[in-house]
Amino acid sequence: MARIAVIGAGMGAMAAAARLAVAGHRVAVYERTRTYGGALRRRERDGFSFDTGPGLLPLPAVYRDLFLKTGREPLEECVELVQVDPSSHHVFADGTRLSLPNTSRAGVVSALEETLGAAAARRWGDFLVRAREAWDRSRRPLLEEPLWPNWQVLAEREPYPAVPHKRLLRTRVAGTLAEVGAWELRDPRLVALLESHALAHGLDPRATPASAAVLPYMEHAFGTWYVRGGMRELARALYERCLARRVEFHFGAEAAGIVEKDGRAAGVELADGAVAEADLVVAGVAPGVLDRLCRGTRVRAADDVPAQRGAASRITVLLALRGGRPEGTAHRTVVHTEDREAELESLFGAPAGVPARPTVTVLRPDDPALVPDAGHEAVTVTAVAPGGSEGAPDALAEHLIAVAGRAVPDLRDRLLWHEVRTPADIAGETGAEGGAVPAPALAAAGGRLLHPSTGTRLPGLFTVGGWSHPGGGLPHAGMSGALAAGLIVEGPEFRGSQ
């Protein structure tokens, strides 16, 4: 039985802590803030409640497995999972509106045919078949296994089977998501639908590899889910599972350094000068924080993939509305930008803030727990923003409220109050520089979108969370905890779940 110190109480860190405790280890978590959950936070005011981090759960099987492996009560006995249907409603630049059903490829194709025509529906259906092939090729190495020592193979190999494209006597295949849209989908509304999955993770579709086709495939294949009471309930359930497995939590305990002894990690030095001795250390922190904790010691091998830095962040506006949520309202509406080029340039070119008409996601949960009574509605509006950008909060809110008005009728007349959450708020909660939000790992692109291995150059030190393999997002955070626990319990021969 080893003493294990876990730095941070994010979802990846708690996933590792619960699994390690079940394996018989003594686990203590040191969290610099006063609560758990990392980016999964909640804002409460005047009887309204809002998720300030991820608002939906893709690939719930990751957390089902976590709860199955760490206790008697399955996930569904700890939280109420609700499948969101329709999965999403889309408002395109030309005014076209489209609702896509959950976990039904046939239903999606049918909805597209009714709205966009048979040719567009056929092209999207064929694209999903190719996206499934990319998923089948990359699922294990990018989600279920520790990062391969020869990760360069993943960096060079494009798993998406692009369709040959002939132009000017040349035959080419799509290498980026934008090229997939332009050459294989062609309809600007399908392009917007495809690229919105990259934008949601702060990725530029013009530079994102075609392998990002797995992002819409995952949503169509495994569905989109909501946790009744708000996504914060998932963090609460995982925290309680850790407590049930006798994990110790120390809040307000900021780590100042990782103690080294005899060439290996031997504990955590806290900001108040105390030292928590340990046999192993698991760090669920952003790259800059890890560098600071290691005090200049190079803990990543020279041939490791580079840690992602300068990633995009998010701007979120919380809206308290008078009047109840109309029956039949979609849980999630994506309002696509009216000027794609201007949006991409403002986000990934020379950014000066969020564009005047960005792509925004509007979440309108059907959940009585979020409102003071049936005569009110809690709405969350989110858009991608360059990491570190702040601007004037009121101006940022006006941008997003104006766009959200295309999805929420009479929005301004119903608005009681709003609050803006900026990248600085994310930085304060997660410690990530500029409030950056990590993207999930993707193959190809020279390894730009891979993440450093869970293991490090310093024996006894492991990393978890969105900045470690397999990257950002709730499912990936849960898997990072599973990978770290597997490497600790079974050793370097661990190859993931079968």
Protein backbone atom coordinates (compact mmCIF):
# COMPACT_ATOMS: atom_id res chain seq x y z
CA MET A 1 0.00 0.00 0.00
CA ALA A 2 1.51 3.30 -1.13
CA ARG A 3 0.92 6.84 0.09
CA ILE A 4 -0.22 8.88 -2.90
CA ALA A 5 -0.52 12.67 -2.98
CA VAL A 6 -2.84 14.09 -5.64
CA ILE A 7 -2.47 17.76 -6.57
CA GLY A 8 -5.80 19.27 -7.58
CA ALA A 9 -9.40 18.10 -7.23
CA GLY A 10 -10.45 18.29 -10.87
CA MET A 11 -12.37 15.48 -12.53
CA GLY A 12 -9.27 13.68 -13.79
CA ALA A 13 -7.59 13.93 -10.40
CA MET A 14 -10.64 12.63 -8.53
CA ALA A 15 -11.08 9.83 -11.06
CA ALA A 16 -7.52 8.72 -10.37
CA ALA A 17 -7.94 9.14 -6.60
CA ALA A 18 -11.06 6.95 -6.46
CA ARG A 19 -9.48 4.16 -8.52
CA LEU A 20 -6.24 4.23 -6.53
CA ALA A 21 -8.09 4.13 -3.21
CA VAL A 22 -10.06 1.08 -4.33
CA ALA A 23 -6.75 -0.57 -5.20
CA GLY A 24 -5.75 -0.23 -1.55
CA HIS A 25 -3.58 2.89 -1.59
CA ARG A 26 -3.75 5.77 0.90
CA VAL A 27 -4.73 8.78 -1.16
CA ALA A 28 -4.75 12.43 -0.11
CA VAL A 29 -5.89 15.25 -2.41
CA TYR A 30 -4.50 18.80 -2.06
CA GLU A 31 -6.64 21.47 -3.72
CA ARG A 32 -5.70 25.16 -3.72
CA THR A 33 -9.32 26.39 -3.97
CA ARG A 34 -12.12 25.77 -1.51
CA THR A 35 -14.01 23.21 -3.54
CA TYR A 36 -13.70 20.26 -5.91
CA GLY A 37 -14.58 19.76 -9.57
CA GLY A 38 -12.04 21.87 -11.46
CA ALA A 39 -13.93 23.52 -14.31
CA LEU A 40 -17.24 21.92 -13.23
CA ARG A 41 -18.53 24.80 -11.14
CA ARG A 42 -21.94 26.22 -10.29
CA ARG A 43 -23.13 29.81 -9.92
CA GLU A 44 -26.19 30.42 -7.77
CA ARG A 45 -28.05 33.71 -7.44
CA ASP A 46 -31.64 34.72 -6.62
CA GLY A 47 -32.88 31.15 -6.89
CA PHE A 48 -31.21 30.60 -10.29
CA SER A 49 -28.44 28.06 -10.80
CA PHE A 50 -26.03 27.79 -13.73
CA ASP A 51 -23.26 25.46 -14.86
CA THR A 52 -20.18 27.60 -15.48
CA GLY A 53 -18.14 24.82 -17.07
CA PRO A 54 -19.17 21.99 -19.40
CA GLY A 55 -22.94 21.91 -19.81
CA LEU A 56 -23.35 18.46 -21.37
CA LEU A 57 -21.78 15.01 -21.04
CA PRO A 58 -20.64 13.08 -24.12
CA LEU A 59 -19.55 9.45 -23.90
CA PRO A 60 -21.05 8.70 -20.45
CA ALA A 61 -19.61 5.18 -20.61
CA VAL A 62 -16.36 6.60 -19.21
CA TYR A 63 -18.06 7.58 -15.95
CA ARG A 64 -20.24 4.50 -15.88
CA ASP A 65 -17.05 2.44 -15.90
CA LEU A 66 -15.49 4.63 -13.21
CA PHE A 67 -18.43 4.19 -10.84
CA LEU A 68 -18.68 0.47 -11.62
CA LYS A 69 -15.01 -0.06 -10.77
CA THR A 70 -15.03 2.01 -7.57
CA GLY A 71 -18.18 0.96 -5.71
CA ARG A 72 -21.46 -0.88 -5.53
CA GLU A 73 -23.68 1.98 -6.66
CA PRO A 74 -23.63 2.53 -10.44
CA LEU A 75 -23.52 6.01 -11.90
CA GLU A 76 -27.28 6.13 -12.47
CA GLU A 77 -27.91 5.62 -8.74
CA CYS A 78 -25.68 8.58 -7.92
CA VAL A 79 -26.92 11.07 -10.53
CA GLU A 80 -29.89 11.24 -12.87
CA LEU A 81 -28.69 11.09 -16.47
CA VAL A 82 -31.03 12.53 -19.11
CA GLN A 83 -30.49 11.91 -22.80
CA VAL A 84 -30.87 15.21 -24.64
CA ASP A 85 -33.25 14.93 -27.59
CA PRO A 86 -32.96 16.59 -29.99
CA SER A 87 -29.21 16.44 -29.55
CA SER A 88 -28.92 19.95 -30.95
CA HIS A 89 -30.84 22.60 -32.84
CA HIS A 90 -28.96 24.70 -35.39
CA VAL A 91 -29.64 28.18 -36.70
CA PHE A 92 -27.56 28.84 -39.83
CA ALA A 93 -26.48 32.14 -41.33
CA ASP A 94 -29.19 32.04 -44.00
CA GLY A 95 -31.91 31.49 -41.41
CA THR A 96 -32.28 27.74 -42.00
CA ARG A 97 -33.15 25.84 -38.83
CA LEU A 98 -32.29 22.19 -38.25
CA SER A 99 -32.90 19.83 -35.33
CA LEU A 100 -30.77 16.68 -35.07
CA PRO A 101 -32.00 13.66 -33.08
CA ASN A 102 -29.82 11.92 -30.51
CA THR A 103 -27.93 8.68 -31.27
CA SER A 104 -29.62 7.99 -34.58
CA ARG A 105 -27.63 8.16 -37.79
CA ALA A 106 -30.76 7.35 -39.79
CA GLY A 107 -32.67 10.04 -37.92
CA VAL A 108 -29.94 12.60 -38.57
CA VAL A 109 -29.87 11.79 -42.28
CA SER A 110 -33.65 12.01 -42.43
CA ALA A 111 -33.68 15.40 -40.68
CA LEU A 112 -31.01 16.69 -43.06
CA GLU A 113 -32.92 15.44 -46.09
CA GLU A 114 -36.10 17.18 -44.95
CA THR A 115 -34.31 20.47 -44.26
CA LEU A 116 -31.31 20.64 -46.61
CA GLY A 117 -32.25 18.18 -49.34
CA ALA A 118 -31.37 14.64 -50.36
CA ALA A 119 -27.91 15.45 -51.76
CA ALA A 120 -26.75 17.17 -48.56
CA ALA A 121 -28.18 14.37 -46.43
CA ARG A 122 -26.37 11.76 -48.50
CA ARG A 123 -23.04 13.58 -48.25
CA TRP A 124 -23.34 13.90 -44.45
CA GLY A 125 -24.32 10.25 -44.12
CA ASP A 126 -21.31 9.18 -46.19
CA PHE A 127 -19.11 11.46 -44.10
CA LEU A 128 -20.29 9.78 -40.88
CA VAL A 129 -19.31 6.40 -42.31
CA ARG A 130 -15.77 7.70 -42.93
CA ALA A 131 -15.73 9.38 -39.51
CA ARG A 132 -16.58 6.04 -37.92
CA GLU A 133 -13.57 4.50 -39.63
CA ALA A 134 -11.38 7.27 -38.19
CA TRP A 135 -12.87 6.58 -34.75
CA ASP A 136 -12.24 2.84 -35.02
CA ARG A 137 -8.60 3.49 -35.98
CA SER A 138 -7.85 6.06 -33.29
CA ARG A 139 -10.11 5.22 -30.33
CA ARG A 140 -7.73 2.96 -28.41
CA PRO A 141 -4.45 4.87 -28.81
CA LEU A 142 -6.05 8.29 -28.30
CA LEU A 143 -8.51 7.52 -25.51
CA GLU A 144 -8.05 4.12 -23.88
CA GLU A 145 -4.29 3.50 -23.82
CA PRO A 146 -1.31 5.34 -22.37
CA LEU A 147 0.45 7.45 -24.98
CA TRP A 148 2.61 5.26 -27.17
CA PRO A 149 6.39 5.70 -26.69
CA ASN A 150 6.58 5.99 -30.48
CA TRP A 151 3.86 8.66 -30.50
CA GLN A 152 5.31 10.03 -33.75
CA VAL A 153 3.31 7.31 -35.53
CA LEU A 154 0.12 8.97 -34.29
CA ALA A 155 1.48 12.37 -35.27
CA GLU A 156 2.15 11.33 -38.86
CA ARG A 157 -0.74 8.95 -39.54
CA GLU A 158 -4.07 10.48 -40.61
CA PRO A 159 -6.84 8.02 -39.70
CA TYR A 160 -9.58 9.78 -41.65
CA PRO A 161 -10.13 8.10 -45.08
CA ALA A 162 -10.55 11.24 -47.14
CA VAL A 163 -12.23 11.12 -50.55
CA PRO A 164 -9.87 11.91 -53.48
CA HIS A 165 -10.54 15.39 -54.83
CA LYS A 166 -9.61 16.29 -58.40
CA ARG A 167 -8.78 19.87 -59.23
CA LEU A 168 -6.67 21.37 -62.00
CA LEU A 169 -5.43 17.95 -63.12
CA ARG A 170 -4.30 17.16 -59.57
CA THR A 171 -5.77 14.63 -57.17
CA ARG A 172 -5.69 15.61 -53.52
CA VAL A 173 -7.24 14.38 -50.29
CA ALA A 174 -8.43 16.49 -47.39
CA GLY A 175 -5.85 17.06 -44.69
CA THR A 176 -7.81 19.50 -42.55
CA LEU A 177 -11.36 19.70 -41.30
CA ALA A 178 -11.97 22.77 -43.46
CA GLU A 179 -10.92 20.82 -46.55
CA VAL A 180 -13.24 17.97 -45.60
CA GLY A 181 -16.07 20.47 -45.49
CA ALA A 182 -15.17 22.25 -48.71
CA TRP A 183 -14.39 19.14 -50.82
CA GLU A 184 -16.64 16.45 -49.38
CA LEU A 185 -19.65 18.28 -47.88
CA ARG A 186 -19.76 21.41 -50.07
CA ASP A 187 -22.99 22.83 -48.64
CA PRO A 188 -22.05 25.86 -46.45
CA ARG A 189 -24.57 24.76 -43.83
CA LEU A 190 -22.97 21.32 -43.60
CA VAL A 191 -19.59 23.02 -43.41
CA ALA A 192 -20.83 25.14 -40.51
CA LEU A 193 -22.24 22.05 -38.80
CA LEU A 194 -18.93 20.22 -39.15
CA GLU A 195 -16.70 23.11 -38.15
CA SER A 196 -18.80 23.94 -35.08
CA HIS A 197 -17.48 20.76 -33.45
CA ALA A 198 -13.92 22.04 -33.82
CA LEU A 199 -14.81 25.57 -32.75
CA ALA A 200 -16.46 24.24 -29.59
CA HIS A 201 -13.00 23.02 -28.52
CA GLY A 202 -11.25 26.22 -29.58
CA LEU A 203 -9.75 24.61 -32.70
CA ASP A 204 -9.24 26.40 -36.00
CA PRO A 205 -10.86 24.15 -38.65
CA ARG A 206 -8.40 25.48 -41.24
CA ALA A 207 -5.52 23.93 -39.28
CA THR A 208 -7.28 21.11 -37.43
CA PRO A 209 -6.54 17.68 -38.96
CA ALA A 210 -9.24 15.74 -40.76
CA SER A 211 -9.11 13.25 -37.88
CA ALA A 212 -11.29 15.72 -35.95
CA ALA A 213 -14.14 14.05 -37.84
CA VAL A 214 -14.32 11.81 -34.76
CA LEU A 215 -15.84 14.71 -32.78
CA PRO A 216 -19.22 14.81 -34.58
CA TYR A 217 -19.12 11.02 -34.89
CA MET A 218 -18.85 10.59 -31.11
CA GLU A 219 -21.88 12.79 -30.60
CA HIS A 220 -23.98 10.96 -33.18
CA ALA A 221 -22.88 7.50 -32.04
CA PHE A 222 -22.88 7.81 -28.24
CA GLY A 223 -25.32 10.63 -27.66
CA THR A 224 -25.40 13.76 -25.60
CA TRP A 225 -26.42 13.65 -21.96
CA TYR A 226 -27.34 16.05 -19.19
CA VAL A 227 -27.13 15.51 -15.44
CA ARG A 228 -30.33 16.54 -13.65
CA GLY A 229 -29.60 19.35 -11.24
CA GLY A 230 -26.73 20.58 -13.40
CA MET A 231 -23.41 19.11 -14.44
CA ARG A 232 -21.94 20.08 -11.09
CA GLU A 233 -23.86 17.08 -9.75
CA LEU A 234 -21.45 14.79 -11.58
CA ALA A 235 -18.54 16.37 -9.71
CA ARG A 236 -20.47 16.07 -6.45
CA ALA A 237 -21.11 12.36 -7.06
CA LEU A 238 -17.46 11.69 -7.85
CA TYR A 239 -16.33 13.62 -4.77
CA GLU A 240 -18.68 11.58 -2.59
CA ARG A 241 -17.42 8.37 -4.19
CA CYS A 242 -13.88 9.41 -3.26
CA LEU A 243 -14.96 10.09 0.32
CA ALA A 244 -16.65 6.69 0.47
CA ARG A 245 -13.35 5.11 -0.60
CA ARG A 246 -11.60 7.07 2.22
CA VAL A 247 -9.76 9.56 0.05
CA GLU A 248 -8.64 12.52 2.17
CA PHE A 249 -9.30 16.04 0.86
CA HIS A 250 -7.41 19.14 1.92
CA PHE A 251 -8.97 22.32 0.53
CA GLY A 252 -7.21 25.68 0.57
CA ALA A 253 -3.98 23.70 0.37
CA GLU A 254 -1.95 25.14 -2.49
CA ALA A 255 1.00 23.12 -3.70
CA ALA A 256 4.24 25.09 -3.88
CA GLY A 257 6.53 22.33 -5.10
CA ILE A 258 7.03 18.64 -5.66
CA VAL A 259 9.47 17.11 -3.21
CA GLU A 260 12.23 14.99 -4.75
CA LYS A 261 14.25 12.40 -2.84
CA ASP A 262 16.73 9.93 -4.23
CA GLY A 263 15.80 10.95 -7.77
CA ARG A 264 12.04 10.41 -7.50
CA ALA A 265 8.90 12.23 -6.41
CA ALA A 266 8.53 11.94 -2.65
CA GLY A 267 5.72 14.30 -1.69
CA VAL A 268 4.26 17.78 -2.00
CA GLU A 269 5.43 20.99 -0.38
CA LEU A 270 2.50 23.26 0.44
CA ALA A 271 2.39 27.05 0.30
CA ASP A 272 2.25 27.27 4.11
CA GLY A 273 5.57 25.43 4.35
CA ALA A 274 4.14 22.06 5.37
CA VAL A 275 5.29 18.94 3.52
CA ALA A 276 3.01 16.05 2.67
CA GLU A 277 5.26 13.05 2.26
CA ALA A 278 4.22 10.47 -0.31
CA ASP A 279 5.52 7.50 -2.25
CA LEU A 280 3.90 8.73 -5.46
CA VAL A 281 2.53 12.05 -6.71
CA VAL A 282 -0.29 12.58 -9.22
CA ALA A 283 -0.55 16.14 -10.56
CA GLY A 284 -3.75 17.38 -12.12
CA VAL A 285 -2.48 20.82 -13.11
CA ALA A 286 -1.87 22.93 -16.21
CA PRO A 287 1.59 22.84 -17.89
CA GLY A 288 2.82 26.15 -16.48
CA VAL A 289 1.84 25.10 -12.97
CA LEU A 290 3.64 21.77 -13.36
CA ASP A 291 6.80 23.56 -14.49
CA ARG A 292 6.64 25.80 -11.44
CA LEU A 293 6.06 22.91 -9.06
CA CYS A 294 9.06 21.06 -10.46
CA ARG A 295 11.25 24.16 -10.03
CA GLY A 296 13.03 23.93 -13.32
CA THR A 297 13.54 20.19 -13.29
CA ARG A 298 12.71 18.79 -16.73
CA VAL A 299 10.02 16.21 -16.03
CA ARG A 300 9.00 15.73 -19.65
CA ALA A 301 11.33 13.60 -21.74
CA ALA A 302 13.10 15.41 -24.56
CA ASP A 303 11.14 13.47 -27.17
CA ASP A 304 7.78 13.98 -25.45
CA VAL A 305 5.01 15.76 -27.30
CA PRO A 306 4.94 19.47 -26.47
CA ALA A 307 2.40 20.58 -23.90
CA GLN A 308 -0.34 22.63 -25.52
CA ARG A 309 -0.08 26.27 -24.59
CA GLY A 310 -1.93 29.34 -25.71
CA ALA A 311 -5.12 27.38 -26.24
CA ALA A 312 -8.43 29.14 -26.71
CA SER A 313 -10.73 29.95 -23.81
CA ARG A 314 -14.43 30.65 -23.41
CA ILE A 315 -16.72 33.58 -22.70
CA THR A 316 -19.96 32.66 -20.94
CA VAL A 317 -23.01 34.78 -20.18
CA LEU A 318 -25.48 33.59 -17.55
CA LEU A 319 -29.02 34.83 -18.26
CA ALA A 320 -31.84 34.96 -15.71
CA LEU A 321 -35.13 35.25 -17.62
CA ARG A 322 -38.69 35.95 -16.58
CA GLY A 323 -41.20 33.57 -18.11
CA GLY A 324 -40.98 29.80 -18.14
CA ARG A 325 -39.19 27.63 -20.67
CA PRO A 326 -41.59 27.00 -23.58
CA GLU A 327 -42.58 23.39 -24.15
CA GLY A 328 -40.63 21.76 -26.96
CA THR A 329 -37.60 24.04 -26.57
CA ALA A 330 -34.32 22.41 -27.57
CA HIS A 331 -31.84 21.95 -24.75
CA ARG A 332 -28.94 23.07 -26.95
CA THR A 333 -29.06 25.50 -29.86
CA VAL A 334 -26.00 26.41 -31.92
CA VAL A 335 -26.33 29.79 -33.63
CA HIS A 336 -23.78 29.80 -36.45
CA THR A 337 -21.80 32.86 -37.38
CA GLU A 338 -22.97 35.08 -40.21
CA ASP A 339 -19.37 35.69 -41.31
CA ARG A 340 -17.16 32.60 -41.09
CA GLU A 341 -13.97 34.28 -42.30
CA ALA A 342 -14.30 37.20 -39.90
CA GLU A 343 -14.94 34.85 -36.99
CA LEU A 344 -11.93 32.65 -37.75
CA GLU A 345 -9.66 35.64 -38.23
CA SER A 346 -10.77 37.25 -34.96
CA LEU A 347 -10.23 34.00 -33.06
CA PHE A 348 -7.09 32.63 -34.67
CA GLY A 349 -5.57 35.54 -36.57
CA ALA A 350 -4.85 38.78 -34.75
CA PRO A 351 -7.46 38.61 -32.00
CA ALA A 352 -8.81 41.69 -30.31
CA GLY A 353 -11.74 40.05 -28.50
CA VAL A 354 -14.73 38.00 -29.55
CA PRO A 355 -16.23 38.81 -32.97
CA ALA A 356 -19.44 40.82 -33.18
CA ARG A 357 -21.34 37.80 -34.48
CA PRO A 358 -19.57 34.68 -33.22
CA THR A 359 -20.87 31.12 -33.26
CA VAL A 360 -22.56 30.68 -29.90
CA THR A 361 -24.04 27.76 -28.01
CA VAL A 362 -27.26 28.41 -26.09
CA LEU A 363 -28.18 25.93 -23.35
CA ARG A 364 -31.76 25.93 -22.07
CA PRO A 365 -32.12 22.93 -19.70
CA ASP A 366 -35.55 21.61 -18.79
CA ASP A 367 -34.65 21.39 -15.12
CA PRO A 368 -36.77 22.81 -12.27
CA ALA A 369 -33.74 22.65 -9.96
CA LEU A 370 -32.14 25.56 -11.82
CA VAL A 371 -34.88 28.17 -11.39
CA PRO A 372 -36.78 29.72 -8.49
CA ASP A 373 -40.14 28.61 -9.96
CA ALA A 374 -41.85 27.58 -13.19
CA GLY A 375 -42.23 31.23 -14.19
CA HIS A 376 -38.49 31.68 -14.82
CA GLU A 377 -35.77 30.23 -17.03
CA ALA A 378 -31.98 29.89 -16.61
CA VAL A 379 -30.05 30.14 -19.90
CA THR A 380 -26.32 29.84 -20.54
CA VAL A 381 -24.71 31.35 -23.64
CA THR A 382 -21.12 30.42 -24.53
CA ALA A 383 -18.64 31.35 -27.25
CA VAL A 384 -14.98 30.61 -27.85
CA ALA A 385 -12.54 33.43 -27.16
CA PRO A 386 -8.77 33.76 -27.55
CA GLY A 387 -6.95 32.63 -24.42
CA GLY A 388 -6.30 35.54 -22.08
CA SER A 389 -8.71 37.92 -23.84
CA GLU A 390 -10.88 39.99 -21.55
CA GLY A 391 -12.15 43.15 -23.23
CA ALA A 392 -15.03 45.00 -21.60
CA PRO A 393 -17.35 42.46 -19.96
CA ASP A 394 -20.46 44.47 -20.80
CA ALA A 395 -19.48 44.68 -24.46
CA LEU A 396 -18.74 40.96 -24.54
CA ALA A 397 -22.14 40.23 -23.03
CA GLU A 398 -23.87 42.43 -25.60
CA HIS A 399 -22.19 40.49 -28.41
CA LEU A 400 -23.39 37.15 -27.11
CA ILE A 401 -26.87 38.32 -26.09
CA ALA A 402 -27.42 39.77 -29.56
CA VAL A 403 -26.55 36.44 -31.17
CA ALA A 404 -28.53 34.40 -28.64
CA GLY A 405 -31.58 36.48 -29.53
CA ARG A 406 -31.80 34.46 -32.75
CA ALA A 407 -32.44 31.36 -30.63
CA VAL A 408 -34.46 32.79 -27.71
CA PRO A 409 -37.47 34.87 -28.81
CA ASP A 410 -38.05 38.11 -26.87
CA LEU A 411 -34.78 37.56 -25.03
CA ARG A 412 -34.14 41.19 -24.11
CA ASP A 413 -37.72 41.73 -22.95
CA ARG A 414 -37.46 38.68 -20.68
CA LEU A 415 -34.00 39.45 -19.28
CA LEU A 416 -33.90 40.08 -15.52
CA TRP A 417 -30.12 40.17 -15.18
CA HIS A 418 -26.98 38.65 -16.61
CA GLU A 419 -23.45 37.86 -15.51
CA VAL A 420 -20.35 37.45 -17.65
CA ARG A 421 -17.66 34.87 -17.01
CA THR A 422 -14.36 35.58 -18.71
CA PRO A 423 -11.11 33.63 -19.26
CA ALA A 424 -9.84 35.20 -16.03
CA ASP A 425 -12.57 33.38 -14.12
CA ILE A 426 -11.55 30.09 -15.73
CA ALA A 427 -7.91 30.81 -14.90
CA GLY A 428 -8.83 31.42 -11.27
CA GLU A 429 -10.68 28.11 -11.02
CA THR A 430 -8.33 25.87 -12.98
CA GLY A 431 -4.94 27.59 -12.79
CA ALA A 432 -4.57 27.43 -16.59
CA GLU A 433 -2.72 30.42 -18.00
CA GLY A 434 -5.11 32.80 -19.73
CA GLY A 435 -8.04 30.57 -18.82
CA ALA A 436 -7.07 28.21 -21.64
CA VAL A 437 -9.31 25.19 -22.15
CA PRO A 438 -7.51 22.08 -23.48
CA ALA A 439 -8.84 20.21 -26.50
CA PRO A 440 -9.06 16.41 -26.80
CA ALA A 441 -6.13 14.60 -28.39
CA LEU A 442 -6.26 14.18 -32.17
CA ALA A 443 -4.05 12.21 -34.53
CA ALA A 444 -1.97 13.67 -37.40
CA ALA A 445 -1.01 17.38 -37.65
CA GLY A 446 2.56 16.54 -36.67
CA GLY A 447 1.50 15.82 -33.09
CA ARG A 448 0.31 19.37 -32.40
CA LEU A 449 -2.91 18.07 -30.91
CA LEU A 450 -1.47 15.23 -28.89
CA HIS A 451 -0.85 15.71 -25.19
CA PRO A 452 2.14 14.70 -23.02
CA SER A 453 2.19 11.22 -21.58
CA THR A 454 0.66 10.43 -18.19
CA GLY A 455 4.06 9.25 -17.01
CA THR A 456 6.92 11.71 -16.61
CA ARG A 457 10.69 11.73 -16.59
CA LEU A 458 10.66 12.00 -12.80
CA PRO A 459 9.99 8.53 -11.35
CA GLY A 460 6.94 8.49 -9.11
CA LEU A 461 5.33 11.55 -10.76
CA PHE A 462 2.23 11.13 -12.95
CA THR A 463 -0.09 13.66 -14.54
CA VAL A 464 -3.85 13.68 -15.12
CA GLY A 465 -6.47 16.08 -16.42
CA GLY A 466 -7.05 17.91 -19.66
CA TRP A 467 -3.42 18.90 -20.17
CA SER A 468 -2.25 15.30 -20.08
CA HIS A 469 -2.99 12.43 -22.48
CA PRO A 470 -5.73 11.96 -23.71
CA GLY A 471 -6.59 15.65 -23.44
CA GLY A 472 -9.50 17.90 -22.58
CA GLY A 473 -13.22 17.25 -22.17
CA LEU A 474 -15.13 15.36 -19.50
CA PRO A 475 -14.68 11.87 -21.03
CA HIS A 476 -10.97 12.47 -21.59
CA ALA A 477 -10.50 13.73 -18.04
CA GLY A 478 -12.11 10.56 -16.72
CA MET A 479 -9.89 8.42 -18.92
CA SER A 480 -6.75 10.26 -17.79
CA GLY A 481 -7.56 9.17 -14.25
CA ALA A 482 -8.04 5.59 -15.40
CA LEU A 483 -4.70 5.62 -17.26
CA ALA A 484 -2.75 7.08 -14.34
CA ALA A 485 -4.27 4.58 -11.91
CA GLY A 486 -3.54 1.72 -14.31
CA LEU A 487 0.11 2.71 -14.69
CA ILE A 488 0.51 2.99 -10.91
CA VAL A 489 -1.30 -0.24 -10.03
CA GLU A 490 -0.12 -2.46 -12.90
CA GLY A 491 3.13 -0.77 -13.85
CA PRO A 492 4.47 0.40 -17.23
CA GLU A 493 3.15 -2.73 -18.95
CA PHE A 494 -0.42 -1.41 -18.45
CA ARG A 495 -2.13 -1.04 -21.83
CA GLY A 496 -5.58 0.19 -20.93
CA SER A 497 -8.96 -1.48 -20.57
CA GLN A 498 -9.81 -4.34 -22.87
